């Protein structure tokens, strides 16, 4: 059963979080800071995968405004199975 991880957030706050997560997915995020000759690196290790975080934010948006946002857990693909047809008799399609 899905859990609303952000019940106290507003729609605007959730949309900002969603945008940040989508940016982290496309660009990645590692932060370097240098102070007094020391360099430190910060990454998001130990947190959930970004796809899980995005789904959590989308679910919170759905719980907040169900008419506007659809449930991201409603139509997830759980299992797939290959299906082969004998239409081409094992031959590659002609182009």
N, C-alpha and C. Protein backbone atom coordinates (compact mmCIF):
# COMPACT_ATOMS: atom_id res chain seq x y z
N UNK A 1 0.84 -1.17 0.00
CA UNK A 1 0.00 0.00 0.00
C UNK A 1 0.89 1.24 0.00
N UNK A 2 0.68 2.18 -0.91
CA UNK A 2 1.49 3.39 -0.97
C UNK A 2 1.31 4.28 0.27
N UNK A 3 2.36 4.99 0.59
CA UNK A 3 2.37 5.88 1.74
C UNK A 3 2.60 7.30 1.25
N UNK A 4 1.87 8.25 1.81
CA UNK A 4 2.08 9.65 1.47
C UNK A 4 3.24 10.17 2.33
N UNK A 5 4.41 10.33 1.71
CA UNK A 5 5.60 10.74 2.44
C UNK A 5 5.63 12.25 2.72
N UNK A 6 4.80 13.02 2.03
CA UNK A 6 4.83 14.47 2.17
C UNK A 6 3.43 15.04 2.43
N UNK A 7 2.76 14.63 3.50
CA UNK A 7 1.38 15.11 3.72
C UNK A 7 1.30 16.59 4.07
N UNK A 8 2.36 17.16 4.59
CA UNK A 8 2.35 18.55 5.03
C UNK A 8 2.72 19.54 3.92
N UNK A 9 3.16 19.06 2.77
CA UNK A 9 3.63 19.93 1.69
C UNK A 9 2.47 20.45 0.86
N UNK A 10 2.68 21.65 0.30
CA UNK A 10 1.70 22.23 -0.61
C UNK A 10 2.02 21.79 -2.03
N UNK A 11 1.12 22.09 -2.94
CA UNK A 11 1.34 21.73 -4.34
C UNK A 11 2.59 22.40 -4.88
N UNK A 12 2.78 23.68 -4.58
CA UNK A 12 3.97 24.39 -5.07
C UNK A 12 5.25 23.77 -4.55
N UNK A 13 5.28 23.39 -3.29
CA UNK A 13 6.48 22.76 -2.71
C UNK A 13 6.75 21.41 -3.36
N UNK A 14 5.69 20.65 -3.62
CA UNK A 14 5.86 19.34 -4.26
C UNK A 14 6.34 19.48 -5.70
N UNK A 15 5.85 20.49 -6.41
CA UNK A 15 6.28 20.70 -7.79
C UNK A 15 7.74 21.12 -7.85
N UNK A 16 8.19 21.92 -6.89
CA UNK A 16 9.61 22.29 -6.82
C UNK A 16 10.46 21.05 -6.54
N UNK A 17 10.01 20.21 -5.62
CA UNK A 17 10.73 18.97 -5.31
C UNK A 17 10.77 18.05 -6.52
N UNK A 18 9.66 17.96 -7.25
CA UNK A 18 9.61 17.12 -8.45
C UNK A 18 10.57 17.62 -9.51
N UNK A 19 10.61 18.93 -9.70
CA UNK A 19 11.53 19.51 -10.68
C UNK A 19 12.99 19.23 -10.29
N UNK A 20 13.29 19.35 -9.02
CA UNK A 20 14.64 19.07 -8.53
C UNK A 20 15.02 17.61 -8.75
N UNK A 21 14.10 16.71 -8.48
CA UNK A 21 14.36 15.28 -8.69
C UNK A 21 14.55 14.96 -10.17
N UNK A 22 13.74 15.55 -11.03
CA UNK A 22 13.88 15.31 -12.46
C UNK A 22 15.22 15.86 -12.97
N UNK A 23 15.64 16.98 -12.43
CA UNK A 23 16.94 17.54 -12.81
C UNK A 23 18.06 16.62 -12.34
N UNK A 24 17.93 16.08 -11.13
CA UNK A 24 18.94 15.16 -10.61
C UNK A 24 19.01 13.90 -11.47
N UNK A 25 17.88 13.47 -12.01
CA UNK A 25 17.87 12.28 -12.87
C UNK A 25 18.64 12.53 -14.16
N UNK A 26 18.44 13.69 -14.77
CA UNK A 26 19.06 13.97 -16.06
C UNK A 26 20.50 14.41 -15.94
N UNK A 27 20.84 15.17 -14.90
CA UNK A 27 22.18 15.73 -14.79
C UNK A 27 23.04 15.06 -13.73
N UNK A 28 22.41 14.41 -12.78
CA UNK A 28 23.15 13.89 -11.64
C UNK A 28 23.41 15.02 -10.66
N UNK A 29 23.85 14.68 -9.48
CA UNK A 29 24.10 15.73 -8.49
C UNK A 29 25.18 15.29 -7.52
N UNK A 30 26.32 15.93 -7.63
CA UNK A 30 27.41 15.78 -6.68
C UNK A 30 27.89 17.18 -6.40
N UNK A 31 27.98 17.54 -5.13
CA UNK A 31 28.36 18.89 -4.77
C UNK A 31 29.77 18.90 -4.20
N UNK A 32 30.59 19.82 -4.70
CA UNK A 32 31.93 20.02 -4.17
C UNK A 32 31.99 21.38 -3.52
N UNK A 33 32.55 21.43 -2.34
CA UNK A 33 32.77 22.71 -1.68
C UNK A 33 34.22 22.78 -1.24
N UNK A 34 34.82 23.95 -1.35
CA UNK A 34 36.19 24.15 -0.94
C UNK A 34 36.23 25.30 0.04
N UNK A 35 36.83 25.07 1.18
CA UNK A 35 36.97 26.11 2.20
C UNK A 35 38.27 25.88 2.95
N UNK A 36 39.07 26.91 3.07
CA UNK A 36 40.34 26.87 3.79
C UNK A 36 41.25 25.75 3.28
N UNK A 37 41.23 25.55 1.98
CA UNK A 37 42.09 24.55 1.38
C UNK A 37 41.59 23.12 1.48
N UNK A 38 40.46 22.90 2.12
CA UNK A 38 39.88 21.57 2.23
C UNK A 38 38.72 21.43 1.26
N UNK A 39 38.68 20.33 0.60
CA UNK A 39 37.60 20.09 -0.36
C UNK A 39 36.73 18.95 0.15
N UNK A 40 35.44 19.16 0.13
CA UNK A 40 34.53 18.10 0.54
C UNK A 40 33.54 17.81 -0.59
N UNK A 41 33.11 16.58 -0.64
CA UNK A 41 32.18 16.14 -1.68
C UNK A 41 30.92 15.62 -0.99
N UNK A 42 29.78 15.99 -1.55
CA UNK A 42 28.51 15.52 -1.01
C UNK A 42 27.69 14.95 -2.16
N UNK A 43 27.20 13.75 -1.99
CA UNK A 43 26.32 13.15 -2.98
C UNK A 43 25.09 12.65 -2.26
N UNK A 44 24.20 12.00 -2.97
CA UNK A 44 22.94 11.55 -2.40
C UNK A 44 22.98 10.07 -2.07
N UNK A 45 24.10 9.59 -1.62
CA UNK A 45 24.18 8.19 -1.24
C UNK A 45 23.37 7.95 0.02
N UNK A 46 22.77 6.80 0.09
CA UNK A 46 21.97 6.47 1.26
C UNK A 46 20.50 6.83 1.09
N UNK A 47 20.18 7.60 0.07
CA UNK A 47 18.77 7.93 -0.17
C UNK A 47 18.19 6.92 -1.16
N UNK A 48 16.90 6.97 -1.31
CA UNK A 48 16.24 6.07 -2.25
C UNK A 48 16.61 6.43 -3.68
N UNK A 49 16.46 5.49 -4.61
CA UNK A 49 16.70 5.84 -6.02
C UNK A 49 15.77 6.98 -6.45
N UNK A 50 16.24 7.76 -7.39
CA UNK A 50 15.48 8.94 -7.81
C UNK A 50 14.11 8.55 -8.35
N UNK A 51 14.02 7.43 -9.06
CA UNK A 51 12.72 7.02 -9.60
C UNK A 51 11.71 6.76 -8.48
N UNK A 52 12.17 6.22 -7.36
CA UNK A 52 11.29 5.98 -6.21
C UNK A 52 10.87 7.31 -5.60
N UNK A 53 11.82 8.23 -5.47
CA UNK A 53 11.51 9.55 -4.91
C UNK A 53 10.50 10.30 -5.78
N UNK A 54 10.67 10.21 -7.10
CA UNK A 54 9.73 10.87 -8.02
C UNK A 54 8.33 10.28 -7.85
N UNK A 55 8.25 8.96 -7.74
CA UNK A 55 6.95 8.31 -7.57
C UNK A 55 6.30 8.74 -6.25
N UNK A 56 7.10 8.92 -5.21
CA UNK A 56 6.56 9.36 -3.92
C UNK A 56 5.98 10.77 -4.02
N UNK A 57 6.70 11.66 -4.71
CA UNK A 57 6.21 13.03 -4.87
C UNK A 57 4.94 13.04 -5.71
N UNK A 58 4.93 12.26 -6.79
CA UNK A 58 3.74 12.19 -7.63
C UNK A 58 2.54 11.63 -6.86
N UNK A 59 2.78 10.67 -5.97
CA UNK A 59 1.69 10.12 -5.17
C UNK A 59 1.17 11.17 -4.19
N UNK A 60 2.06 11.96 -3.62
CA UNK A 60 1.63 13.03 -2.71
C UNK A 60 0.80 14.07 -3.46
N UNK A 61 1.21 14.38 -4.69
CA UNK A 61 0.41 15.30 -5.51
C UNK A 61 -0.96 14.71 -5.79
N UNK A 62 -1.02 13.42 -6.06
CA UNK A 62 -2.30 12.74 -6.31
C UNK A 62 -3.19 12.79 -5.07
N UNK A 63 -2.62 12.56 -3.89
CA UNK A 63 -3.41 12.59 -2.66
C UNK A 63 -3.91 14.00 -2.36
N UNK A 64 -3.11 15.01 -2.73
CA UNK A 64 -3.49 16.39 -2.48
C UNK A 64 -4.58 16.86 -3.45
N UNK A 65 -4.40 16.54 -4.74
CA UNK A 65 -5.35 16.94 -5.78
C UNK A 65 -5.63 15.77 -6.72
N UNK A 66 -6.49 14.84 -6.33
CA UNK A 66 -6.71 13.63 -7.13
C UNK A 66 -7.34 13.89 -8.50
N UNK A 67 -8.04 15.00 -8.67
CA UNK A 67 -8.63 15.28 -9.97
C UNK A 67 -7.60 15.80 -10.97
N UNK A 68 -6.51 16.35 -10.47
CA UNK A 68 -5.49 16.94 -11.34
C UNK A 68 -4.36 15.96 -11.64
N UNK A 69 -3.93 15.21 -10.63
CA UNK A 69 -2.79 14.30 -10.77
C UNK A 69 -3.25 12.87 -10.62
N UNK A 70 -2.80 11.99 -11.54
CA UNK A 70 -3.20 10.59 -11.44
C UNK A 70 -2.28 9.82 -10.51
N UNK A 71 -2.76 8.71 -10.05
CA UNK A 71 -2.02 7.87 -9.11
C UNK A 71 -0.89 7.16 -9.85
N UNK A 72 0.38 7.40 -9.47
CA UNK A 72 1.49 6.75 -10.18
C UNK A 72 1.58 5.26 -9.91
N UNK A 73 0.89 4.78 -8.89
CA UNK A 73 0.92 3.35 -8.57
C UNK A 73 -0.22 2.58 -9.23
N UNK A 74 -1.14 3.28 -9.88
CA UNK A 74 -2.33 2.62 -10.42
C UNK A 74 -2.02 1.74 -11.63
N UNK A 75 -1.08 2.14 -12.47
CA UNK A 75 -0.84 1.40 -13.70
C UNK A 75 0.62 1.02 -13.88
N UNK A 76 1.25 0.61 -12.81
CA UNK A 76 2.64 0.19 -12.93
C UNK A 76 2.72 -1.19 -13.58
N UNK A 77 3.76 -1.40 -14.38
CA UNK A 77 4.00 -2.71 -14.99
C UNK A 77 4.67 -3.58 -13.94
N UNK A 78 4.04 -4.65 -13.58
CA UNK A 78 4.57 -5.54 -12.54
C UNK A 78 5.37 -6.70 -13.12
N UNK A 79 4.89 -7.23 -14.24
CA UNK A 79 5.54 -8.39 -14.82
C UNK A 79 5.33 -8.36 -16.32
N UNK A 80 6.33 -8.72 -17.05
CA UNK A 80 6.20 -8.80 -18.51
C UNK A 80 6.53 -10.21 -18.96
N UNK A 81 6.02 -10.55 -20.12
CA UNK A 81 6.25 -11.87 -20.68
C UNK A 81 6.44 -11.70 -22.18
N UNK A 82 7.50 -12.28 -22.76
CA UNK A 82 7.67 -12.16 -24.20
C UNK A 82 6.56 -12.91 -24.94
N UNK A 83 6.18 -12.35 -26.07
CA UNK A 83 5.16 -12.99 -26.88
C UNK A 83 5.69 -13.05 -28.32
N UNK A 84 5.87 -14.24 -28.82
CA UNK A 84 6.39 -14.43 -30.17
C UNK A 84 5.26 -14.91 -31.08
N UNK A 85 5.23 -14.36 -32.27
CA UNK A 85 4.22 -14.80 -33.23
C UNK A 85 4.91 -15.46 -34.41
N UNK A 86 4.21 -16.31 -35.10
CA UNK A 86 4.76 -17.01 -36.25
C UNK A 86 4.43 -16.28 -37.54
N UNK A 87 4.15 -15.00 -37.45
CA UNK A 87 3.73 -14.22 -38.60
C UNK A 87 4.81 -14.17 -39.70
N UNK A 88 6.07 -14.03 -39.31
CA UNK A 88 7.16 -13.93 -40.29
C UNK A 88 7.92 -15.22 -40.46
N UNK A 89 7.49 -16.29 -39.83
CA UNK A 89 8.16 -17.58 -39.89
C UNK A 89 9.63 -17.49 -39.49
N UNK A 90 9.93 -16.64 -38.51
CA UNK A 90 11.29 -16.53 -38.02
C UNK A 90 12.18 -15.65 -38.86
N UNK A 91 11.67 -15.03 -39.92
CA UNK A 91 12.48 -14.19 -40.78
C UNK A 91 12.46 -12.75 -40.28
N UNK A 92 13.53 -12.01 -40.59
CA UNK A 92 13.56 -10.60 -40.26
C UNK A 92 12.57 -9.85 -41.15
N UNK A 93 11.98 -8.78 -40.63
CA UNK A 93 11.03 -8.02 -41.46
C UNK A 93 11.76 -7.31 -42.61
N UNK A 94 11.09 -7.25 -43.74
CA UNK A 94 11.65 -6.55 -44.91
C UNK A 94 11.35 -5.08 -44.81
N UNK A 95 12.32 -4.29 -45.22
CA UNK A 95 12.12 -2.83 -45.18
C UNK A 95 12.08 -2.27 -46.56
